[in-house]
Amino acid sequence: MKKRRLGGAAVALGVVLAVTGLPAQASADPAADTRTADARAALPLGPAGLAETRTTQTLRPGLTLTRIVRGAVNPAHHWTVEATIPGGDTSPDPDAPPTTLKDKASADELAVGMRADGFDARAEQVTTPSTTDYTGGTLGWRVRIGSFTSQSAAATERIRIINAGYSGSVTYTGWDGATTDRGPWRIDVLTVDPRAFRGTLDATHGPDIENRETVSTLATDSGAVAAVNAGFFVLDPRSGAPGDPAGIGVYDGRLLSEPVSGRPGLVLRDGGRSAQITRLTWEGRVTAHGTTLTLNGVNRVPGLIRNCGGSEDDTPTSLPLHDVTCTNPDQLVAFTQEYGASTPQGVGVEAVLDSRGRVLELRSVRGGPLPPGGSSIQATGRHMDALTALARPGERLRVETTLRDEQGRRVTPSPGTDIVNAGPELVRDGRLHVTPATDGMVHQGDPSWYYGWVHKRNPRTLAGTDAAGRTVLVTADGRSTASLGLSITESAKVARSLGLRDAVNLDGGGSTTMVANGQVINDPSDAAGERPVGDALLLLPRRS
């Protein structure tokens, strides 16, 4: 299990003011330094010349926290209702399900029909910038209804639209991503200088893999000075075990979740003394008395591959496909003590192993507790017979996993190594390097998904390294009028403007959370407040 560093709470040094898009006030923390950003160092968001303030405080020697507030509430922004567009008579595919974006003819047809029913409907073209691996251009057309000064007024119009037989959602035009928008943006930046910071930067999944915990809980239980959320994880039980990393998870040098093949990971070595972003693949195998079986996964529900990127016979693809759960009825998955109180239950067989890897029993229905220090291997479908033949009572099964980087070199994590999953890349060698297509964020035939996840502004969590070897962790609030959030392209530009030579996107949206001195200092976007997550990055003080 990832060690839970229990100890006294971090010494409170004061919390940066929660500035909300208005001109920054002086911080109550006498150690904080508030200044207006030099135009040359300003964030590349909105027109040049927007007001921008930066408030910096030192949490520990070598660990600083900076809040950046840029721009102010723009009266030109408004609330509106975004309709769901059906195929319609003019659609190339009239039977396609309704979506936010469609072809121009379908959008025009819907807008005309809604205007005839008394709604202020308009069809709007949506274009998106190109990236390193995606041409961009026109994503499609959307239909919007009305312009409202409040969210509640837009919600009332949405109800009227639904009662008329249409469907749609309430949105704010400041989240669209226009380069002319004037803000506001609120961004928090943790900078870790390994030459001066005497603690460690670690990743943790909490007490087990299969359950979620909030970043603030993980930080408090470990006595962390600061923390942010980390990688993507399973949220829906239909996609696996909630909390299971949806991609690579290495903690204290142990591979506890396999990579989404070829996607990037944030690699922290020697307790975070150095950090690197690299793309990772893996191989896994189970061997005994001259026979080798290929592993398909580690610590996840067999048959459910969140974000895909698994085996060649997975459905619908073996390539990365973000926020999609691929399936495969024929799986061989290894489980460790860190998974949870009980392994997943279901049809299949399970070889239960002791601490030395020797077979204690073969369960004819998989699922159940593991013995102290033990592990197991579950098989489904056509792999059941092979595991049954291999797992003789008392036989030692050898489970081996191999990680490789994008150059094909073997990655051998030491006990001080942690790796969390991420994507897409944002910056490489100081240049914009945005890779949504490579990392499965382009869904063929579904531009609405790209529109909502990549193109539009959302809360984001970013990580990277600068030329001085410092690790930088960034959160950007979003889905509010107080902070618009960032598109993926804007995230890359912000990362580069902060001096990052290499940067990657971590999990965002409602997961985006930053904790400092025992308090959540950003504004998580979920209506329920801070979201429990799969893992987190913790800045831990040196233990005496």
Protein backbone atom coordinates (compact mmCIF):
# COMPACT_ATOMS: atom_id res chain seq x y z
CA MET A 1 0.00 0.00 0.00
CA LYS A 2 1.17 3.50 -0.69
CA LYS A 3 2.45 4.79 2.64
CA ARG A 4 0.11 7.22 4.37
CA ARG A 5 2.53 9.61 5.99
CA LEU A 6 0.68 10.43 9.17
CA GLY A 7 1.90 13.29 11.24
CA GLY A 8 1.12 16.76 12.48
CA ALA A 9 -0.67 19.23 10.25
CA ALA A 10 1.55 21.50 8.21
CA VAL A 11 2.36 24.83 9.83
CA ALA A 12 -0.09 27.41 8.49
CA LEU A 13 1.68 30.20 6.64
CA GLY A 14 -1.48 31.95 5.44
CA VAL A 15 -3.61 31.39 2.36
CA VAL A 16 -3.51 33.51 -0.76
CA LEU A 17 -6.59 35.73 -1.13
CA ALA A 18 -9.42 34.27 -3.21
CA VAL A 19 -9.43 37.01 -5.83
CA THR A 20 -12.43 36.71 -8.14
CA GLY A 21 -11.62 38.67 -11.26
CA LEU A 22 -11.69 42.11 -9.63
CA PRO A 23 -8.44 44.06 -9.10
CA ALA A 24 -6.37 42.15 -6.55
CA GLN A 25 -6.29 43.38 -3.00
CA ALA A 26 -3.31 43.19 -0.70
CA SER A 27 -2.87 39.77 0.83
CA ALA A 28 -3.49 39.28 4.54
CA ASP A 29 -0.30 37.22 4.60
CA PRO A 30 2.62 39.59 5.29
CA ALA A 31 4.94 37.14 3.55
CA ALA A 32 2.91 37.30 0.35
CA ASP A 33 4.09 39.46 -2.53
CA THR A 34 1.37 40.96 -4.73
CA ARG A 35 2.39 42.69 -7.92
CA THR A 36 1.07 43.63 -11.33
CA ALA A 37 2.46 41.36 -14.01
CA ASP A 38 4.92 42.77 -16.50
CA ALA A 39 3.30 42.78 -19.95
CA ARG A 40 6.08 40.53 -21.26
CA ALA A 41 5.32 37.93 -18.60
CA ALA A 42 1.52 38.16 -18.73
CA LEU A 43 -0.58 35.12 -19.50
CA PRO A 44 -1.46 34.75 -23.21
CA LEU A 45 -5.19 34.96 -22.52
CA GLY A 46 -7.43 37.58 -24.11
CA PRO A 47 -6.23 40.87 -25.57
CA ALA A 48 -2.91 42.38 -24.54
CA GLY A 49 -3.12 44.93 -21.80
CA LEU A 50 -5.67 43.19 -19.57
CA ALA A 51 -5.15 43.77 -15.87
CA GLU A 52 -3.22 40.91 -14.31
CA THR A 53 -1.99 40.45 -10.75
CA ARG A 54 0.21 37.77 -9.22
CA THR A 55 0.28 37.04 -5.50
CA THR A 56 3.15 34.81 -4.38
CA GLN A 57 3.90 33.28 -1.01
CA THR A 58 6.51 30.82 0.18
CA LEU A 59 4.99 27.71 1.73
CA ARG A 60 8.38 26.19 2.49
CA PRO A 61 11.88 27.03 1.29
CA GLY A 62 11.87 25.93 -2.35
CA LEU A 63 8.06 25.69 -2.53
CA THR A 64 6.07 28.73 -3.68
CA LEU A 65 2.41 29.29 -4.42
CA THR A 66 1.38 31.96 -6.91
CA ARG A 67 -2.16 33.05 -7.68
CA ILE A 68 -2.64 34.75 -11.04
CA VAL A 69 -5.80 36.72 -11.74
CA ARG A 70 -6.23 38.10 -15.23
CA GLY A 71 -9.00 40.22 -16.70
CA ALA A 72 -12.42 40.92 -15.23
CA VAL A 73 -16.04 39.96 -15.78
CA ASN A 74 -16.97 40.89 -19.35
CA PRO A 75 -20.47 42.41 -19.79
CA ALA A 76 -20.49 41.04 -23.35
CA HIS A 77 -20.74 37.50 -22.00
CA HIS A 78 -24.20 36.09 -21.41
CA TRP A 79 -26.08 32.92 -20.58
CA THR A 80 -27.83 31.01 -23.33
CA VAL A 81 -29.43 27.65 -24.08
CA GLU A 82 -27.57 25.29 -26.40
CA ALA A 83 -29.97 22.96 -28.18
CA THR A 84 -29.47 19.29 -28.92
CA ILE A 85 -29.70 18.91 -32.69
CA PRO A 86 -31.47 15.86 -34.17
CA GLY A 87 -30.68 14.51 -37.62
CA GLY A 88 -33.58 16.15 -39.40
CA ASP A 89 -34.74 15.76 -42.99
CA THR A 90 -31.65 17.53 -44.35
CA SER A 91 -29.07 15.54 -42.36
CA PRO A 92 -26.61 13.22 -44.13
CA ASP A 93 -27.61 10.68 -41.47
CA PRO A 94 -31.18 11.36 -40.29
CA ASP A 95 -31.04 8.38 -37.91
CA ALA A 96 -27.94 9.63 -36.06
CA PRO A 97 -28.63 10.48 -32.40
CA PRO A 98 -29.07 14.11 -31.42
CA THR A 99 -25.85 15.93 -30.53
CA THR A 100 -24.64 19.42 -29.67
CA LEU A 101 -22.91 19.87 -33.05
CA LYS A 102 -24.26 18.80 -36.43
CA ASP A 103 -23.89 19.70 -40.08
CA LYS A 104 -25.01 23.16 -41.17
CA ALA A 105 -28.21 21.95 -42.85
CA SER A 106 -29.42 20.13 -39.73
CA ALA A 107 -28.60 23.12 -37.50
CA ASP A 108 -30.36 25.54 -39.85
CA GLU A 109 -33.40 23.26 -40.04
CA LEU A 110 -33.67 23.11 -36.25
CA ALA A 111 -33.19 26.87 -35.84
CA VAL A 112 -35.93 27.61 -38.40
CA GLY A 113 -38.33 25.22 -36.68
CA MET A 114 -37.64 26.69 -33.25
CA ARG A 115 -38.11 30.24 -34.48
CA ALA A 116 -41.45 29.19 -35.92
CA ASP A 117 -42.36 28.00 -32.41
CA GLY A 118 -41.48 31.39 -30.95
CA PHE A 119 -37.90 30.82 -29.76
CA ASP A 120 -34.99 33.17 -30.46
CA ALA A 121 -32.88 30.46 -32.12
CA ARG A 122 -29.74 30.94 -34.19
CA ALA A 123 -27.28 28.57 -35.88
CA GLU A 124 -23.58 29.27 -35.21
CA GLN A 125 -20.50 27.81 -36.86
CA VAL A 126 -17.86 26.38 -34.50
CA THR A 127 -14.23 26.39 -35.62
CA THR A 128 -11.33 25.06 -33.59
CA PRO A 129 -7.58 25.74 -33.82
CA SER A 130 -5.18 23.18 -35.22
CA THR A 131 -2.86 21.25 -32.93
CA THR A 132 0.28 19.20 -33.45
CA ASP A 133 -1.72 16.18 -34.61
CA TYR A 134 -5.16 17.58 -35.53
CA THR A 135 -5.98 19.89 -38.42
CA GLY A 136 -8.74 21.78 -36.65
CA GLY A 137 -11.11 23.91 -38.72
CA THR A 138 -14.89 23.64 -38.65
CA LEU A 139 -16.14 21.20 -36.02
CA GLY A 140 -19.78 21.72 -36.92
CA TRP A 141 -22.73 24.01 -36.19
CA ARG A 142 -24.56 24.58 -32.93
CA VAL A 143 -27.99 26.05 -32.24
CA ARG A 144 -28.42 28.52 -29.40
CA ILE A 145 -31.54 30.16 -28.05
CA GLY A 146 -31.72 33.56 -26.39
CA SER A 147 -29.34 35.80 -24.48
CA PHE A 148 -29.79 36.12 -20.71
CA THR A 149 -28.08 38.08 -17.96
CA SER A 150 -28.51 35.30 -15.41
CA GLN A 151 -28.20 31.54 -15.29
CA SER A 152 -31.64 31.24 -13.73
CA ALA A 153 -33.26 33.11 -16.62
CA ALA A 154 -31.56 30.77 -19.10
CA ALA A 155 -32.71 27.78 -17.04
CA THR A 156 -36.30 29.03 -17.20
CA GLU A 157 -36.03 29.27 -20.99
CA ARG A 158 -34.62 25.74 -21.11
CA ILE A 159 -37.71 24.45 -19.31
CA ARG A 160 -39.90 26.23 -21.86
CA ILE A 161 -37.87 24.63 -24.66
CA ILE A 162 -38.23 21.15 -23.13
CA ASN A 163 -41.98 21.65 -22.73
CA ALA A 164 -42.13 22.44 -26.44
CA GLY A 165 -40.54 19.08 -27.29
CA TYR A 166 -36.91 20.15 -27.71
CA SER A 167 -33.86 19.52 -25.53
CA GLY A 168 -30.77 21.47 -24.58
CA SER A 169 -28.48 22.71 -21.81
CA VAL A 170 -27.63 26.05 -20.23
CA THR A 171 -24.18 27.47 -21.01
CA TYR A 172 -22.17 30.67 -20.62
CA THR A 173 -20.59 32.29 -23.67
CA GLY A 174 -17.38 33.01 -21.76
CA TRP A 175 -16.64 29.28 -21.85
CA ASP A 176 -16.58 29.19 -25.66
CA GLY A 177 -12.88 30.00 -25.97
CA ALA A 178 -12.92 33.17 -28.09
CA THR A 179 -9.49 34.83 -28.21
CA THR A 180 -11.12 38.24 -27.77
CA ASP A 181 -12.62 37.36 -24.38
CA ARG A 182 -11.48 39.57 -21.51
CA GLY A 183 -11.69 37.11 -18.66
CA PRO A 184 -11.63 36.65 -15.82
CA TRP A 185 -9.16 33.82 -15.30
CA ARG A 186 -7.92 32.53 -11.94
CA ILE A 187 -4.89 30.25 -11.94
CA ASP A 188 -2.84 28.82 -9.07
CA VAL A 189 0.77 27.72 -9.54
CA LEU A 190 2.88 25.55 -7.23
CA THR A 191 6.59 25.70 -8.04
CA VAL A 192 8.89 23.09 -6.51
CA ASP A 193 12.65 23.73 -6.58
CA PRO A 194 14.33 20.41 -5.71
CA ARG A 195 17.56 22.20 -4.80
CA ALA A 196 15.85 24.08 -1.95
CA PHE A 197 12.72 22.07 -1.03
CA ARG A 198 13.64 19.57 1.66
CA GLY A 199 10.51 17.48 1.37
CA THR A 200 9.25 15.14 -1.32
CA LEU A 201 6.77 15.22 -4.18
CA ASP A 202 4.88 11.93 -4.12
CA ALA A 203 1.83 10.38 -5.74
CA THR A 204 -0.69 8.50 -3.62
CA HIS A 205 -3.86 6.52 -4.28
CA GLY A 206 -4.91 6.53 -0.64
CA PRO A 207 -5.60 3.34 1.32
CA ASP A 208 -6.58 1.31 -1.77
CA ILE A 209 -7.03 1.45 -5.53
CA GLU A 210 -10.75 0.83 -5.86
CA ASN A 211 -12.08 3.70 -3.74
CA ARG A 212 -11.90 7.46 -4.23
CA GLU A 213 -10.87 10.10 -1.72
CA THR A 214 -10.72 13.88 -1.86
CA VAL A 215 -7.39 15.62 -2.38
CA SER A 216 -7.87 17.45 0.91
CA THR A 217 -8.33 14.16 2.78
CA LEU A 218 -5.24 12.65 1.19
CA ALA A 219 -3.27 15.80 2.01
CA THR A 220 -4.46 15.97 5.62
CA ASP A 221 -3.87 12.28 6.31
CA SER A 222 -0.32 12.56 4.95
CA GLY A 223 0.54 15.92 6.53
CA ALA A 224 1.14 17.46 3.11
CA VAL A 225 2.02 21.13 2.75
CA ALA A 226 0.24 21.25 -0.61
CA ALA A 227 -1.42 18.91 -3.08
CA VAL A 228 -3.22 18.70 -6.42
CA ASN A 229 -5.33 16.04 -8.09
CA ALA A 230 -3.44 13.75 -10.45
CA GLY A 231 -4.45 11.26 -13.17
CA PHE A 232 -7.68 10.15 -14.82
CA PHE A 233 -9.68 7.45 -13.05
CA VAL A 234 -12.82 5.34 -13.32
CA LEU A 235 -15.89 7.23 -12.11
CA ASP A 236 -18.83 5.11 -13.29
CA PRO A 237 -19.13 1.58 -11.80
CA ARG A 238 -20.21 0.37 -15.25
CA SER A 239 -16.67 1.21 -16.44
CA GLY A 240 -14.83 -0.62 -13.69
CA ALA A 241 -13.97 0.04 -10.06
CA PRO A 242 -14.48 3.74 -9.19
CA GLY A 243 -11.11 5.19 -8.22
CA ASP A 244 -9.06 2.83 -10.39
CA PRO A 245 -6.52 4.88 -12.39
CA ALA A 246 -7.58 4.97 -16.05
CA GLY A 247 -4.00 4.57 -17.19
CA ILE A 248 -0.62 4.09 -15.61
CA GLY A 249 -0.21 4.20 -11.85
CA VAL A 250 3.18 3.54 -10.25
CA TYR A 251 3.46 4.22 -6.51
CA ASP A 252 6.65 3.69 -4.49
CA GLY A 253 8.12 1.95 -7.53
CA ARG A 254 5.31 -0.59 -7.91
CA LEU A 255 3.17 -0.82 -11.06
CA LEU A 256 -0.39 -0.93 -9.72
CA SER A 257 -2.21 0.10 -12.91
CA GLU A 258 -1.10 -0.53 -16.48
CA PRO A 259 -0.66 2.26 -19.07
CA VAL A 260 -3.12 3.25 -21.73
CA SER A 261 -0.69 2.16 -24.44
CA GLY A 262 1.42 5.03 -25.72
CA ARG A 263 -0.16 7.79 -23.65
CA PRO A 264 2.00 10.09 -21.52
CA GLY A 265 2.75 9.78 -17.86
CA LEU A 266 4.29 12.18 -15.35
CA VAL A 267 7.32 10.38 -13.90
CA LEU A 268 8.59 11.51 -10.49
CA ARG A 269 11.92 10.02 -9.43
CA ASP A 270 13.78 10.09 -6.12
CA GLY A 271 10.84 11.52 -4.22
CA GLY A 272 10.22 14.12 -6.87
CA ARG A 273 13.81 15.38 -7.04
CA SER A 274 13.42 15.05 -10.79
CA ALA A 275 10.38 14.88 -13.05
CA GLN A 276 9.88 13.81 -16.64
CA ILE A 277 7.03 13.40 -19.09
CA THR A 278 7.24 10.35 -21.31
CA ARG A 279 4.96 8.03 -23.26
CA LEU A 280 4.73 4.52 -21.87
CA THR A 281 3.84 1.01 -23.00
CA TRP A 282 3.94 -2.21 -21.05
CA GLU A 283 4.12 -5.99 -21.20
CA GLY A 284 2.88 -8.40 -18.57
CA ARG A 285 3.19 -12.15 -18.24
CA VAL A 286 2.51 -15.06 -15.92
CA THR A 287 4.92 -17.99 -16.10
CA ALA A 288 5.14 -21.44 -14.52
CA HIS A 289 6.88 -24.72 -15.46
CA GLY A 290 7.86 -23.42 -18.90
CA THR A 291 4.48 -21.95 -19.85
CA THR A 292 3.86 -18.21 -20.28
CA LEU A 293 0.48 -16.44 -20.35
CA THR A 294 0.09 -12.79 -21.39
CA LEU A 295 -1.37 -10.39 -18.85
CA ASN A 296 -3.96 -7.87 -20.01
CA GLY A 297 -4.16 -5.67 -16.94
CA VAL A 298 -3.28 -4.93 -13.34
CA ASN A 299 -5.80 -4.16 -10.59
CA ARG A 300 -8.85 -3.49 -12.76
CA VAL A 301 -12.14 -5.23 -13.48
CA PRO A 302 -11.47 -7.83 -16.21
CA GLY A 303 -13.12 -6.99 -19.51
CA LEU A 304 -13.45 -3.22 -18.88
CA ILE A 305 -10.61 -1.06 -20.21
CA ARG A 306 -11.22 2.60 -19.38
CA ASN A 307 -9.75 4.97 -21.98
CA CYS A 308 -8.96 1.89 -24.12
CA GLY A 309 -5.41 1.47 -25.43
CA GLY A 310 -5.21 -2.20 -24.47
CA SER A 311 -5.09 -5.41 -26.51
CA GLU A 312 -5.55 -5.82 -30.25
CA ASP A 313 -8.84 -7.69 -29.81
CA ASP A 314 -10.46 -5.06 -27.58
CA THR A 315 -13.75 -3.52 -28.79
CA PRO A 316 -14.12 -0.98 -30.34
CA THR A 317 -10.38 -0.25 -30.57
CA SER A 318 -6.97 -1.08 -29.19
CA LEU A 319 -5.93 2.56 -29.55
CA PRO A 320 -6.38 5.21 -26.82
CA LEU A 321 -9.91 6.62 -26.80
CA HIS A 322 -10.55 9.00 -23.96
CA ASP A 323 -13.64 8.69 -21.77
CA VAL A 324 -14.61 5.45 -23.56
CA THR A 325 -14.63 2.03 -21.92
CA CYS A 326 -13.45 -0.67 -24.29
CA THR A 327 -14.45 -4.26 -23.62
CA ASN A 328 -12.99 -7.72 -24.06
CA PRO A 329 -14.52 -10.97 -22.76
CA ASP A 330 -11.13 -12.73 -22.73
CA GLN A 331 -8.87 -11.22 -20.07
CA LEU A 332 -6.07 -12.13 -17.68
CA VAL A 333 -5.67 -9.56 -14.89
CA ALA A 334 -3.32 -9.56 -11.88
CA PHE A 335 -4.34 -8.20 -8.47
CA THR A 336 -2.25 -6.99 -5.56
CA GLN A 337 -2.99 -6.16 -1.94
CA GLU A 338 -3.40 -2.50 -2.88
CA TYR A 339 -6.55 -3.14 -4.94
CA GLY A 340 -8.94 -3.29 -1.97
CA ALA A 341 -10.67 -5.51 0.53
CA SER A 342 -11.90 -7.92 -2.13
CA THR A 343 -11.07 -8.59 -5.77
CA PRO A 344 -13.85 -8.10 -8.39
CA GLN A 345 -16.53 -10.77 -8.45
CA GLY A 346 -17.93 -12.41 -11.55
CA VAL A 347 -17.81 -15.31 -13.97
CA GLY A 348 -14.30 -16.66 -14.40
CA VAL A 349 -11.55 -18.30 -12.38
CA GLU A 350 -9.06 -16.84 -9.92
CA ALA A 351 -5.72 -18.24 -8.78
CA VAL A 352 -5.10 -17.03 -5.23
CA LEU A 353 -1.40 -16.77 -4.38
CA ASP A 354 0.47 -16.48 -1.09
CA SER A 355 3.21 -13.92 -0.41
CA ARG A 356 5.71 -16.11 -2.28
CA GLY A 357 3.50 -16.48 -5.35
CA ARG A 358 2.45 -20.06 -4.66
CA VAL A 359 -1.09 -21.15 -5.55
CA LEU A 360 -3.26 -21.52 -2.46
CA GLU A 361 -6.54 -22.15 -4.24
CA LEU A 362 -8.29 -21.81 -7.59
CA ARG A 363 -11.65 -20.09 -7.21
CA SER A 364 -14.18 -21.31 -9.74
CA VAL A 365 -16.04 -18.01 -9.42
CA ARG A 366 -13.65 -15.08 -9.28
CA GLY A 367 -13.69 -12.54 -6.47
CA GLY A 368 -12.94 -12.45 -2.76
CA PRO A 369 -10.39 -11.34 -0.17
CA LEU A 370 -6.68 -11.95 -0.59
CA PRO A 371 -4.51 -13.59 2.07
CA PRO A 372 -2.08 -11.35 4.00
CA GLY A 373 0.74 -10.40 1.65
CA GLY A 374 -0.90 -12.38 -1.13
CA SER A 375 -2.09 -11.64 -4.65
CA SER A 376 -4.20 -13.24 -7.36
CA ILE A 377 -4.73 -13.66 -11.09
CA GLN A 378 -8.20 -13.62 -12.62
CA ALA A 379 -9.11 -15.13 -15.97
CA THR A 380 -12.24 -14.74 -18.07
CA GLY A 381 -13.42 -16.23 -21.36
CA ARG A 382 -10.94 -18.29 -23.32
CA HIS A 383 -8.16 -17.66 -20.76
CA MET A 384 -9.97 -19.64 -18.05
CA ASP A 385 -8.75 -23.05 -19.21
CA ALA A 386 -5.16 -21.83 -19.61
CA LEU A 387 -5.02 -20.39 -16.09
CA THR A 388 -6.69 -23.50 -14.65
CA ALA A 389 -4.03 -25.70 -16.26
CA LEU A 390 -1.21 -23.45 -15.02
CA ALA A 391 -2.38 -22.84 -11.45
CA ARG A 392 -1.69 -26.20 -9.84
CA PRO A 393 -1.91 -26.23 -6.02
CA GLY A 394 1.49 -25.31 -4.57
CA GLU A 395 2.80 -24.21 -7.97
CA ARG A 396 4.69 -20.92 -7.96
CA LEU A 397 3.38 -18.47 -10.53
CA ARG A 398 5.77 -15.73 -11.54
CA VAL A 399 4.12 -12.41 -12.45
CA GLU A 400 6.35 -9.99 -14.35
CA THR A 401 5.65 -6.57 -15.82
CA THR A 402 7.86 -4.44 -18.04
CA LEU A 403 7.46 -0.73 -18.75
CA ARG A 404 9.01 0.95 -21.79
CA ASP A 405 9.33 4.60 -22.74
CA GLU A 406 8.62 6.11 -26.15
CA GLN A 407 12.14 5.19 -27.35
CA GLY A 408 11.50 1.57 -26.40
CA ARG A 409 13.90 1.71 -23.46
CA ARG A 410 13.03 -0.29 -20.39
CA VAL A 411 11.79 1.80 -17.45
CA THR A 412 12.68 0.26 -14.09
CA PRO A 413 11.03 2.25 -11.29
CA SER A 414 12.97 2.47 -8.04
CA PRO A 415 11.18 2.53 -4.65
CA GLY A 416 11.27 6.36 -4.86
CA THR A 417 9.52 6.50 -8.25
CA ASP A 418 5.89 7.45 -8.83
CA ILE A 419 4.11 7.73 -12.21
CA VAL A 420 0.62 9.11 -12.83
CA ASN A 421 -1.32 8.99 -16.07
CA ALA A 422 -1.98 12.11 -18.13
CA GLY A 423 -2.82 13.48 -21.57
CA PRO A 424 -2.67 15.17 -23.91
CA GLU A 425 0.84 16.55 -24.06
CA LEU A 426 0.96 20.34 -24.12
CA VAL A 427 4.60 21.46 -24.41
CA ARG A 428 7.71 19.59 -25.50
CA ASP A 429 11.23 21.05 -25.52
CA GLY A 430 9.80 24.53 -25.03
CA ARG A 431 7.49 24.36 -28.06
CA LEU A 432 3.74 23.88 -28.20
CA HIS A 433 3.13 20.17 -28.70
CA VAL A 434 -0.59 19.49 -28.28
CA THR A 435 -1.59 15.89 -29.03
CA PRO A 436 -5.35 15.26 -28.64
CA ALA A 437 -5.57 12.89 -31.62
CA THR A 438 -2.66 10.72 -30.49
CA ASP A 439 -4.07 10.50 -26.98
CA GLY A 440 -7.63 9.59 -27.94
CA MET A 441 -9.36 12.95 -27.53
CA VAL A 442 -10.55 13.00 -31.16
CA HIS A 443 -13.64 10.80 -31.45
CA GLN A 444 -14.29 10.03 -35.10
CA GLY A 445 -17.85 10.86 -36.08
CA ASP A 446 -18.50 12.69 -32.80
CA PRO A 447 -17.22 16.29 -33.00
CA SER A 448 -19.44 17.22 -30.06
CA TRP A 449 -17.14 15.30 -27.72
CA TYR A 450 -14.08 17.24 -28.89
CA TYR A 451 -16.08 20.45 -28.67
CA GLY A 452 -16.94 19.90 -25.03
CA TRP A 453 -13.67 18.38 -23.79
CA VAL A 454 -10.89 19.97 -25.86
CA HIS A 455 -12.28 23.08 -27.56
CA LYS A 456 -14.34 24.64 -24.77
CA ARG A 457 -12.95 26.10 -21.58
CA ASN A 458 -12.99 23.86 -18.52
CA PRO A 459 -11.19 23.63 -15.18
CA ARG A 460 -7.74 22.17 -15.84
CA THR A 461 -4.84 20.70 -13.89
CA LEU A 462 -1.41 20.83 -15.56
CA ALA A 463 2.07 19.62 -14.67
CA GLY A 464 5.50 20.16 -16.12
CA THR A 465 9.12 21.11 -15.67
CA ASP A 466 11.04 24.28 -16.46
CA ALA A 467 14.58 24.90 -17.71
CA ALA A 468 15.85 25.21 -14.12
CA GLY A 469 14.69 21.68 -13.28
CA ARG A 470 11.78 22.82 -11.17
CA THR A 471 8.46 20.95 -11.18
CA VAL A 472 5.39 23.15 -11.67
CA LEU A 473 1.81 22.15 -10.83
CA VAL A 474 -1.02 24.36 -12.11
CA THR A 475 -4.77 24.52 -11.54
CA ALA A 476 -7.14 26.76 -13.47
CA ASP A 477 -10.65 27.25 -12.16
CA GLY A 478 -13.51 27.15 -14.63
CA ARG A 479 -17.21 26.55 -15.32
CA SER A 480 -18.03 29.76 -13.48
CA THR A 481 -18.35 33.46 -14.26
CA ALA A 482 -15.54 34.20 -11.77
CA SER A 483 -13.02 32.14 -13.77
CA LEU A 484 -13.63 31.00 -17.34
CA GLY A 485 -11.26 28.04 -17.42
CA LEU A 486 -8.98 27.02 -20.28
CA SER A 487 -9.30 25.14 -23.54
CA ILE A 488 -6.61 22.55 -24.16
CA THR A 489 -4.85 24.88 -26.60
CA GLU A 490 -5.00 27.70 -24.07
CA SER A 491 -3.62 25.32 -21.43
CA ALA A 492 -0.57 24.69 -23.60
CA LYS A 493 0.01 28.41 -24.14
CA VAL A 494 -0.34 29.12 -20.43
CA ALA A 495 2.11 26.32 -19.57
CA ARG A 496 4.68 27.67 -22.00
CA SER A 497 4.20 31.23 -20.76
CA LEU A 498 4.95 30.01 -17.22
CA GLY A 499 8.33 28.84 -18.49
CA LEU A 500 7.60 25.13 -18.79
CA ARG A 501 9.87 23.27 -21.19
CA ASP A 502 7.68 20.15 -20.99
CA ALA A 503 4.07 20.04 -19.84
CA VAL A 504 1.09 17.70 -19.81
CA ASN A 505 -2.59 17.85 -18.95
CA LEU A 506 -3.74 15.91 -15.88
CA ASP A 507 -7.35 15.15 -14.97
CA GLY A 508 -9.48 18.30 -14.88
CA GLY A 509 -13.09 19.38 -14.81
CA GLY A 510 -14.68 18.67 -11.44
CA SER A 511 -11.50 16.87 -10.34
CA THR A 512 -9.35 20.03 -10.47
CA THR A 513 -8.33 20.74 -6.87
CA MET A 514 -5.42 22.45 -5.15
CA VAL A 515 -4.79 22.26 -1.41
CA ALA A 516 -2.35 24.43 0.53
CA ASN A 517 -1.78 24.49 4.28
CA GLY A 518 -4.74 22.21 4.89
CA GLN A 519 -7.30 24.16 2.88
CA VAL A 520 -8.75 23.84 -0.62
CA ILE A 521 -7.68 27.15 -2.15
CA ASN A 522 -9.31 26.89 -5.57
CA ASP A 523 -13.01 26.61 -6.42
CA PRO A 524 -13.85 23.03 -7.54
CA SER A 525 -16.61 23.12 -10.14
CA ASP A 526 -18.83 20.23 -9.06
CA ALA A 527 -22.09 21.39 -7.51
CA ALA A 528 -21.43 19.09 -4.54
CA GLY A 529 -18.02 20.66 -3.94
CA GLU A 530 -14.67 18.88 -3.87
CA ARG A 531 -14.75 15.65 -5.89
CA PRO A 532 -13.19 12.43 -4.58
CA VAL A 533 -10.46 11.34 -7.00
CA GLY A 534 -8.33 8.32 -7.81
CA ASP A 535 -4.90 9.70 -6.91
CA ALA A 536 -3.14 12.92 -6.00
CA LEU A 537 0.27 14.59 -6.00
CA LEU A 538 1.44 15.57 -2.52
CA LEU A 539 4.18 17.98 -1.38
CA LEU A 540 5.33 16.40 1.87
CA PRO A 541 7.63 18.11 4.38
CA ARG A 542 10.76 16.33 5.51
CA ARG A 543 10.02 14.11 8.46
CA SER A 544 12.12 14.62 11.56
